[in-house]
């Protein structure tokens, strides 16, 4: 029988123990190879252990399950969300979950979720390490805002502008989103190989840089025609960064 490696990420020790016990006793297809009690710890476990499936609690202090997934761009594993709140269901599906289960777990529902994992990998030729998502799906970032949330491919983000405790995102296609995250939070989750903080109020996607000008100490012109100032403190760092990056204007 093919074994599928699993990690359980849940801040409640009793809940982790219960999930692990049910998998051990009733789901022979699954081998639990690691546990984590927080989002940051879970993210590191995923990077180190390369699981086939992650059982992920949504409501965790500090960094919840959705936030943890935002920072993982090469997501080559299935996700089964665990939650005590049924209203998270639609968000879980939008975030690319294979399934989501309500706590306390019911054995029949857990086994049903495992069948989806097995069917997925069998359809990919057995023990594959891909959860069936296209490359664009792997780049999705969940953007929370006043009306709910939007899933955005980070490759479509041209630049981001700080606005107090909010951030203005300017997207390809002349679209703008006001997100309920700070610019610093976005800087921590977006790939540093693609995004550069050129000013305390501006984070740009370097793939959209069209031109650099020395006007007023330094100015970037983006592919949509936007002019964004480069701070004096970041000018040299940006020049060095851009030299190491092959930039293809859009």
C-alpha atoms as a PDB file:
ATOM      1  CA  UNK A   1       0.000   0.000   0.000  1.00  0.00           C
ATOM      2  CA  UNK A   2       1.244   3.459  -0.950  1.00  0.00           C
ATOM      3  CA  UNK A   3       1.920   5.596   2.120  1.00  0.00           C
ATOM      4  CA  UNK A   4       1.362   9.353   2.022  1.00  0.00           C
ATOM      5  CA  UNK A   5       3.410  11.518   4.386  1.00  0.00           C
ATOM      6  CA  UNK A   6       1.449  13.938   6.565  1.00  0.00           C
ATOM      7  CA  UNK A   7       2.100  16.851   8.912  1.00  0.00           C
ATOM      8  CA  UNK A   8      -0.412  18.078  11.509  1.00  0.00           C
ATOM      9  CA  UNK A   9      -0.328  21.821  12.290  1.00  0.00           C
ATOM     10  CA  UNK A  10      -2.565  22.800  15.199  1.00  0.00           C
ATOM     11  CA  UNK A  11      -1.928  24.977  18.248  1.00  0.00           C
ATOM     12  CA  UNK A  12      -3.990  22.673  20.523  1.00  0.00           C
ATOM     13  CA  UNK A  13      -2.019  19.654  21.711  1.00  0.00           C
ATOM     14  CA  UNK A  14      -5.149  17.576  22.427  1.00  0.00           C
ATOM     15  CA  UNK A  15      -6.465  18.267  18.939  1.00  0.00           C
ATOM     16  CA  UNK A  16      -3.154  17.250  17.328  1.00  0.00           C
ATOM     17  CA  UNK A  17      -3.110  14.077  19.417  1.00  0.00           C
ATOM     18  CA  UNK A  18      -6.681  13.208  18.458  1.00  0.00           C
ATOM     19  CA  UNK A  19      -6.050  13.770  14.739  1.00  0.00           C
ATOM     20  CA  UNK A  20      -2.863  11.711  14.874  1.00  0.00           C
ATOM     21  CA  UNK A  21      -4.586   8.874  16.750  1.00  0.00           C
ATOM     22  CA  UNK A  22      -7.451   8.699  14.243  1.00  0.00           C
ATOM     23  CA  UNK A  23      -5.026   8.655  11.321  1.00  0.00           C
ATOM     24  CA  UNK A  24      -2.881   5.970  12.950  1.00  0.00           C
ATOM     25  CA  UNK A  25      -5.779   3.683  13.825  1.00  0.00           C
ATOM     26  CA  UNK A  26      -8.145   4.163  10.903  1.00  0.00           C
ATOM     27  CA  UNK A  27      -6.230   5.596   7.929  1.00  0.00           C
ATOM     28  CA  UNK A  28      -3.427   3.171   6.983  1.00  0.00           C
ATOM     29  CA  UNK A  29      -2.644   5.180   3.850  1.00  0.00           C
ATOM     30  CA  UNK A  30      -1.316   8.057   5.955  1.00  0.00           C
ATOM     31  CA  UNK A  31       2.012   8.239   7.795  1.00  0.00           C
ATOM     32  CA  UNK A  32       2.324  11.177  10.202  1.00  0.00           C
ATOM     33  CA  UNK A  33       5.916  12.413   9.935  1.00  0.00           C
ATOM     34  CA  UNK A  34       5.686  15.660  11.889  1.00  0.00           C
ATOM     35  CA  UNK A  35       3.658  18.028  14.041  1.00  0.00           C
ATOM     36  CA  UNK A  36       3.714  21.769  14.688  1.00  0.00           C
ATOM     37  CA  UNK A  37       1.959  24.031  17.181  1.00  0.00           C
ATOM     38  CA  UNK A  38       2.075  27.295  15.219  1.00  0.00           C
ATOM     39  CA  UNK A  39       2.040  28.737  11.712  1.00  0.00           C
ATOM     40  CA  UNK A  40       5.765  29.650  11.567  1.00  0.00           C
ATOM     41  CA  UNK A  41       6.774  26.256  12.968  1.00  0.00           C
ATOM     42  CA  UNK A  42       4.453  24.507  10.541  1.00  0.00           C
ATOM     43  CA  UNK A  43       5.850  26.404   7.569  1.00  0.00           C
ATOM     44  CA  UNK A  44       9.365  25.308   8.525  1.00  0.00           C
ATOM     45  CA  UNK A  45       8.231  21.680   8.952  1.00  0.00           C
ATOM     46  CA  UNK A  46       6.708  21.734   5.476  1.00  0.00           C
ATOM     47  CA  UNK A  47       9.943  23.048   3.973  1.00  0.00           C
ATOM     48  CA  UNK A  48      12.049  20.472   5.819  1.00  0.00           C
ATOM     49  CA  UNK A  49       9.880  17.335   5.548  1.00  0.00           C
ATOM     50  CA  UNK A  50       8.137  17.751   2.146  1.00  0.00           C
ATOM     51  CA  UNK A  51       4.784  16.127   3.048  1.00  0.00           C
ATOM     52  CA  UNK A  52       2.128  14.889   0.659  1.00  0.00           C
ATOM     53  CA  UNK A  53      -0.667  16.286   2.820  1.00  0.00           C
ATOM     54  CA  UNK A  54      -0.947  18.896   5.578  1.00  0.00           C
ATOM     55  CA  UNK A  55      -3.705  18.858   8.195  1.00  0.00           C
ATOM     56  CA  UNK A  56      -3.944  22.550   9.014  1.00  0.00           C
ATOM     57  CA  UNK A  57      -5.862  24.268  11.798  1.00  0.00           C
ATOM     58  CA  UNK A  58      -7.304  27.612  10.709  1.00  0.00           C
ATOM     59  CA  UNK A  59      -7.633  29.433  14.029  1.00  0.00           C
ATOM     60  CA  UNK A  60      -4.153  29.739  15.518  1.00  0.00           C
ATOM     61  CA  UNK A  61      -2.778  32.756  17.407  1.00  0.00           C
ATOM     62  CA  UNK A  62      -0.237  34.997  15.727  1.00  0.00           C
ATOM     63  CA  UNK A  63      -0.402  33.415  12.277  1.00  0.00           C
ATOM     64  CA  UNK A  64      -3.547  31.543  11.242  1.00  0.00           C
ATOM     65  CA  UNK A  65      -3.695  28.768   8.671  1.00  0.00           C
ATOM     66  CA  UNK A  66      -4.603  31.022   5.754  1.00  0.00           C
ATOM     67  CA  UNK A  67      -1.780  33.439   6.558  1.00  0.00           C
ATOM     68  CA  UNK A  68       0.707  30.575   6.764  1.00  0.00           C
ATOM     69  CA  UNK A  69      -0.234  29.370   3.299  1.00  0.00           C
ATOM     70  CA  UNK A  70       0.124  32.872   1.830  1.00  0.00           C
ATOM     71  CA  UNK A  71       3.883  32.676   2.230  1.00  0.00           C
ATOM     72  CA  UNK A  72       4.260  29.276   0.527  1.00  0.00           C
ATOM     73  CA  UNK A  73       4.437  29.806  -3.233  1.00  0.00           C
ATOM     74  CA  UNK A  74       5.603  26.366  -4.350  1.00  0.00           C
ATOM     75  CA  UNK A  75       2.736  24.481  -2.730  1.00  0.00           C
ATOM     76  CA  UNK A  76       3.254  20.872  -3.847  1.00  0.00           C
ATOM     77  CA  UNK A  77       1.069  19.211  -1.213  1.00  0.00           C
ATOM     78  CA  UNK A  78      -2.615  18.699  -0.450  1.00  0.00           C
ATOM     79  CA  UNK A  79      -4.207  20.750   2.339  1.00  0.00           C
ATOM     80  CA  UNK A  80      -6.991  19.556   4.634  1.00  0.00           C
ATOM     81  CA  UNK A  81      -8.179  22.395   6.850  1.00  0.00           C
ATOM     82  CA  UNK A  82      -9.358  21.687  10.385  1.00  0.00           C
ATOM     83  CA  UNK A  83     -11.746  24.193  11.970  1.00  0.00           C
ATOM     84  CA  UNK A  84     -14.417  24.512  14.622  1.00  0.00           C
ATOM     85  CA  UNK A  85     -16.221  27.181  12.571  1.00  0.00           C
ATOM     86  CA  UNK A  86     -18.315  26.221   9.551  1.00  0.00           C
ATOM     87  CA  UNK A  87     -18.184  29.750   8.070  1.00  0.00           C
ATOM     88  CA  UNK A  88     -14.533  29.139   7.091  1.00  0.00           C
ATOM     89  CA  UNK A  89     -15.611  26.582   4.501  1.00  0.00           C
ATOM     90  CA  UNK A  90     -15.840  28.828   1.450  1.00  0.00           C
ATOM     91  CA  UNK A  91     -12.551  30.557   2.276  1.00  0.00           C
ATOM     92  CA  UNK A  92     -10.874  27.180   2.711  1.00  0.00           C
ATOM     93  CA  UNK A  93     -12.037  26.067  -0.720  1.00  0.00           C
ATOM     94  CA  UNK A  94     -10.929  29.372  -2.256  1.00  0.00           C
ATOM     95  CA  UNK A  95      -7.520  28.910  -0.638  1.00  0.00           C
ATOM     96  CA  UNK A  96      -7.085  25.679  -2.576  1.00  0.00           C
ATOM     97  CA  UNK A  97      -7.966  23.091   0.070  1.00  0.00           C
ATOM     98  CA  UNK A  98      -8.423  19.466  -0.884  1.00  0.00           C
ATOM     99  CA  UNK A  99     -11.054  19.345   1.882  1.00  0.00           C
ATOM    100  CA  UNK A 100     -11.970  20.972   5.186  1.00  0.00           C
ATOM    101  CA  UNK A 101     -13.198  19.180   8.294  1.00  0.00           C
ATOM    102  CA  UNK A 102     -15.140  20.483  11.268  1.00  0.00           C
ATOM    103  CA  UNK A 103     -13.912  19.786  14.789  1.00  0.00           C
ATOM    104  CA  UNK A 104     -14.475  17.521  16.589  1.00  0.00           C
ATOM    105  CA  UNK A 105     -13.484  15.263  13.716  1.00  0.00           C
ATOM    106  CA  UNK A 106     -15.870  12.591  12.499  1.00  0.00           C
ATOM    107  CA  UNK A 107     -14.182   9.401  11.318  1.00  0.00           C
ATOM    108  CA  UNK A 108     -16.308   9.067   8.168  1.00  0.00           C
ATOM    109  CA  UNK A 109     -15.461  12.633   7.090  1.00  0.00           C
ATOM    110  CA  UNK A 110     -11.753  12.172   7.832  1.00  0.00           C
ATOM    111  CA  UNK A 111     -11.659   8.971   5.784  1.00  0.00           C
ATOM    112  CA  UNK A 112     -13.524  10.747   2.977  1.00  0.00           C
ATOM    113  CA  UNK A 113     -10.891  13.483   2.939  1.00  0.00           C
ATOM    114  CA  UNK A 114      -8.118  10.878   2.836  1.00  0.00           C
ATOM    115  CA  UNK A 115      -9.784   9.226  -0.151  1.00  0.00           C
ATOM    116  CA  UNK A 116      -9.591  12.560  -1.989  1.00  0.00           C
ATOM    117  CA  UNK A 117      -5.866  12.755  -1.248  1.00  0.00           C
ATOM    118  CA  UNK A 118      -5.275   9.200  -2.452  1.00  0.00           C
ATOM    119  CA  UNK A 119      -7.366   9.735  -5.597  1.00  0.00           C
ATOM    120  CA  UNK A 120      -5.455  12.892  -6.348  1.00  0.00           C
ATOM    121  CA  UNK A 121      -2.039  11.232  -6.192  1.00  0.00           C
ATOM    122  CA  UNK A 122      -3.220   8.114  -8.014  1.00  0.00           C
ATOM    123  CA  UNK A 123      -4.483  10.309 -10.834  1.00  0.00           C
ATOM    124  CA  UNK A 124      -1.001  11.811 -10.990  1.00  0.00           C
ATOM    125  CA  UNK A 125       0.685   8.447 -11.230  1.00  0.00           C
ATOM    126  CA  UNK A 126       1.029   7.315  -7.629  1.00  0.00           C
ATOM    127  CA  UNK A 127       3.255   9.159  -5.187  1.00  0.00           C
ATOM    128  CA  UNK A 128       3.477  12.414  -7.073  1.00  0.00           C
ATOM    129  CA  UNK A 129       4.458  15.553  -5.243  1.00  0.00           C
ATOM    130  CA  UNK A 130       2.049  17.943  -6.906  1.00  0.00           C
ATOM    131  CA  UNK A 131      -1.453  18.764  -5.745  1.00  0.00           C
ATOM    132  CA  UNK A 132      -2.806  19.285  -9.226  1.00  0.00           C
ATOM    133  CA  UNK A 133      -2.510  23.044  -9.252  1.00  0.00           C
ATOM    134  CA  UNK A 134      -1.230  24.980 -12.205  1.00  0.00           C
ATOM    135  CA  UNK A 135       1.793  27.196 -11.793  1.00  0.00           C
ATOM    136  CA  UNK A 136      -0.489  30.246 -11.553  1.00  0.00           C
ATOM    137  CA  UNK A 137      -2.472  28.636  -8.711  1.00  0.00           C
ATOM    138  CA  UNK A 138       0.731  28.223  -6.715  1.00  0.00           C
ATOM    139  CA  UNK A 139       1.317  31.982  -6.930  1.00  0.00           C
ATOM    140  CA  UNK A 140      -2.037  32.982  -5.411  1.00  0.00           C
ATOM    141  CA  UNK A 141      -2.073  35.385  -2.471  1.00  0.00           C
ATOM    142  CA  UNK A 142      -5.188  35.836  -0.328  1.00  0.00           C
ATOM    143  CA  UNK A 143      -5.904  39.588  -0.038  1.00  0.00           C
ATOM    144  CA  UNK A 144      -8.284  40.552   2.770  1.00  0.00           C
ATOM    145  CA  UNK A 145     -10.226  43.799   2.345  1.00  0.00           C
ATOM    146  CA  UNK A 146     -13.366  45.534   3.633  1.00  0.00           C
ATOM    147  CA  UNK A 147     -15.716  43.552   1.371  1.00  0.00           C
ATOM    148  CA  UNK A 148     -14.182  40.119   1.992  1.00  0.00           C
ATOM    149  CA  UNK A 149     -11.155  38.791   0.165  1.00  0.00           C
ATOM    150  CA  UNK A 150      -9.670  38.474  -3.317  1.00  0.00           C
ATOM    151  CA  UNK A 151      -7.279  35.843  -4.615  1.00  0.00           C
ATOM    152  CA  UNK A 152      -4.484  37.526  -6.562  1.00  0.00           C
ATOM    153  CA  UNK A 153      -1.598  36.062  -8.528  1.00  0.00           C
ATOM    154  CA  UNK A 154       1.399  37.933  -7.126  1.00  0.00           C
ATOM    155  CA  UNK A 155       2.823  38.109 -10.652  1.00  0.00           C
ATOM    156  CA  UNK A 156      -0.045  40.497 -11.493  1.00  0.00           C
ATOM    157  CA  UNK A 157       0.922  42.950  -8.738  1.00  0.00           C
ATOM    158  CA  UNK A 158       2.767  45.918 -10.279  1.00  0.00           C
ATOM    159  CA  UNK A 159       3.448  47.790  -7.064  1.00  0.00           C
ATOM    160  CA  UNK A 160       2.153  48.358  -3.532  1.00  0.00           C
ATOM    161  CA  UNK A 161       1.748  51.645  -1.671  1.00  0.00           C
ATOM    162  CA  UNK A 162       1.505  52.078   2.099  1.00  0.00           C
ATOM    163  CA  UNK A 163      -1.573  53.871   3.413  1.00  0.00           C
ATOM    164  CA  UNK A 164      -1.449  53.936   7.226  1.00  0.00           C
ATOM    165  CA  UNK A 165      -2.490  50.414   8.334  1.00  0.00           C
ATOM    166  CA  UNK A 166      -3.712  49.563   4.844  1.00  0.00           C
ATOM    167  CA  UNK A 167      -1.982  48.937   1.534  1.00  0.00           C
ATOM    168  CA  UNK A 168      -2.989  49.986  -1.981  1.00  0.00           C
ATOM    169  CA  UNK A 169      -2.228  47.235  -4.506  1.00  0.00           C
ATOM    170  CA  UNK A 170      -1.952  48.278  -8.147  1.00  0.00           C
ATOM    171  CA  UNK A 171      -2.506  45.319 -10.468  1.00  0.00           C
ATOM    172  CA  UNK A 172      -2.021  44.554 -14.109  1.00  0.00           C
ATOM    173  CA  UNK A 173      -5.109  45.705 -16.012  1.00  0.00           C
ATOM    174  CA  UNK A 174      -5.451  49.037 -14.171  1.00  0.00           C
ATOM    175  CA  UNK A 175      -7.064  47.379 -11.142  1.00  0.00           C
ATOM    176  CA  UNK A 176      -6.593  48.649  -7.587  1.00  0.00           C
ATOM    177  CA  UNK A 177      -7.304  46.870  -4.275  1.00  0.00           C
ATOM    178  CA  UNK A 178      -7.165  48.425  -0.816  1.00  0.00           C
ATOM    179  CA  UNK A 179      -5.988  45.615   1.475  1.00  0.00           C
ATOM    180  CA  UNK A 180      -6.267  45.403   5.252  1.00  0.00           C
ATOM    181  CA  UNK A 181      -2.591  44.550   5.691  1.00  0.00           C
ATOM    182  CA  UNK A 182       0.392  46.814   6.183  1.00  0.00           C
ATOM    183  CA  UNK A 183       3.088  47.145   3.553  1.00  0.00           C
ATOM    184  CA  UNK A 184       5.521  45.488   5.963  1.00  0.00           C
ATOM    185  CA  UNK A 185       3.262  42.420   6.146  1.00  0.00           C
ATOM    186  CA  UNK A 186       3.147  42.183   2.353  1.00  0.00           C
ATOM    187  CA  UNK A 187       6.925  42.561   2.182  1.00  0.00           C
ATOM    188  CA  UNK A 188       7.275  39.529   4.467  1.00  0.00           C
ATOM    189  CA  UNK A 189       5.064  37.236   2.352  1.00  0.00           C
ATOM    190  CA  UNK A 190       5.890  38.294  -1.215  1.00  0.00           C
ATOM    191  CA  UNK A 191       8.993  36.704  -2.794  1.00  0.00           C
ATOM    192  CA  UNK A 192      12.066  38.853  -2.231  1.00  0.00           C
ATOM    193  CA  UNK A 193      13.446  37.782  -5.612  1.00  0.00           C
ATOM    194  CA  UNK A 194      10.554  39.606  -7.332  1.00  0.00           C
ATOM    195  CA  UNK A 195       9.697  42.527  -5.034  1.00  0.00           C
ATOM    196  CA  UNK A 196      11.888  45.359  -3.765  1.00  0.00           C
ATOM    197  CA  UNK A 197      11.125  48.046  -1.150  1.00  0.00           C
ATOM    198  CA  UNK A 198      12.351  51.184  -2.899  1.00  0.00           C
ATOM    199  CA  UNK A 199      10.813  53.557  -0.360  1.00  0.00           C
ATOM    200  CA  UNK A 200       9.253  53.178   3.063  1.00  0.00           C
ATOM    201  CA  UNK A 201       5.882  53.660   1.340  1.00  0.00           C
ATOM    202  CA  UNK A 202       6.496  51.691  -1.868  1.00  0.00           C
ATOM    203  CA  UNK A 203       7.170  48.054  -2.768  1.00  0.00           C
ATOM    204  CA  UNK A 204       7.546  47.278  -6.473  1.00  0.00           C
ATOM    205  CA  UNK A 205       7.492  44.160  -8.623  1.00  0.00           C
ATOM    206  CA  UNK A 206      10.805  44.507 -10.455  1.00  0.00           C
ATOM    207  CA  UNK A 207       9.450  42.589 -13.449  1.00  0.00           C
ATOM    208  CA  UNK A 208       7.353  45.659 -14.272  1.00  0.00           C
ATOM    209  CA  UNK A 209      10.243  48.140 -14.224  1.00  0.00           C
ATOM    210  CA  UNK A 210      10.368  49.899 -17.575  1.00  0.00           C
ATOM    211  CA  UNK A 211      12.877  52.664 -16.875  1.00  0.00           C
ATOM    212  CA  UNK A 212      15.039  54.172 -14.150  1.00  0.00           C
ATOM    213  CA  UNK A 213      15.656  57.914 -13.974  1.00  0.00           C
ATOM    214  CA  UNK A 214      18.010  60.016 -11.856  1.00  0.00           C
ATOM    215  CA  UNK A 215      15.319  62.677 -11.418  1.00  0.00           C
ATOM    216  CA  UNK A 216      15.251  64.007  -7.853  1.00  0.00           C
ATOM    217  CA  UNK A 217      17.747  61.395  -6.722  1.00  0.00           C
ATOM    218  CA  UNK A 218      16.100  58.351  -8.231  1.00  0.00           C
ATOM    219  CA  UNK A 219      12.807  57.418  -9.849  1.00  0.00           C
ATOM    220  CA  UNK A 220      11.396  54.189 -11.262  1.00  0.00           C
ATOM    221  CA  UNK A 221       8.977  54.225 -14.160  1.00  0.00           C
ATOM    222  CA  UNK A 222       6.757  51.153 -14.256  1.00  0.00           C
ATOM    223  CA  UNK A 223       5.148  49.530 -17.286  1.00  0.00           C
ATOM    224  CA  UNK A 224       1.763  51.145 -16.529  1.00  0.00           C
ATOM    225  CA  UNK A 225       3.380  54.591 -16.667  1.00  0.00           C
ATOM    226  CA  UNK A 226       3.520  55.112 -12.892  1.00  0.00           C
ATOM    227  CA  UNK A 227       6.501  57.089 -11.533  1.00  0.00           C
ATOM    228  CA  UNK A 228       7.637  55.907  -8.094  1.00  0.00           C
ATOM    229  CA  UNK A 229      10.337  57.663  -6.094  1.00  0.00           C
ATOM    230  CA  UNK A 230      13.380  55.695  -4.876  1.00  0.00           C
ATOM    231  CA  UNK A 231      14.555  56.843  -1.451  1.00  0.00           C
ATOM    232  CA  UNK A 232      18.161  58.010  -1.149  1.00  0.00           C
ATOM    233  CA  UNK A 233      18.795  55.323   1.478  1.00  0.00           C
ATOM    234  CA  UNK A 234      17.684  52.585  -0.932  1.00  0.00           C
ATOM    235  CA  UNK A 235      19.084  53.935  -4.184  1.00  0.00           C
ATOM    236  CA  UNK A 236      22.392  52.052  -4.156  1.00  0.00           C
ATOM    237  CA  UNK A 237      20.823  48.822  -2.884  1.00  0.00           C
ATOM    238  CA  UNK A 238      18.216  49.002  -5.631  1.00  0.00           C
ATOM    239  CA  UNK A 239      20.846  49.616  -8.313  1.00  0.00           C
ATOM    240  CA  UNK A 240      22.805  46.566  -7.123  1.00  0.00           C
ATOM    241  CA  UNK A 241      19.662  44.432  -6.921  1.00  0.00           C
ATOM    242  CA  UNK A 242      18.470  45.364 -10.387  1.00  0.00           C
ATOM    243  CA  UNK A 243      21.870  44.486 -11.878  1.00  0.00           C
ATOM    244  CA  UNK A 244      21.488  40.911 -10.601  1.00  0.00           C
ATOM    245  CA  UNK A 245      17.960  40.606 -11.962  1.00  0.00           C
ATOM    246  CA  UNK A 246      17.046  40.062 -15.585  1.00  0.00           C
ATOM    247  CA  UNK A 247      14.063  42.372 -15.915  1.00  0.00           C
ATOM    248  CA  UNK A 248      11.592  41.771 -18.687  1.00  0.00           C
ATOM    249  CA  UNK A 249       9.206  44.730 -19.027  1.00  0.00           C
ATOM    250  CA  UNK A 250       5.561  43.740 -19.452  1.00  0.00           C
END
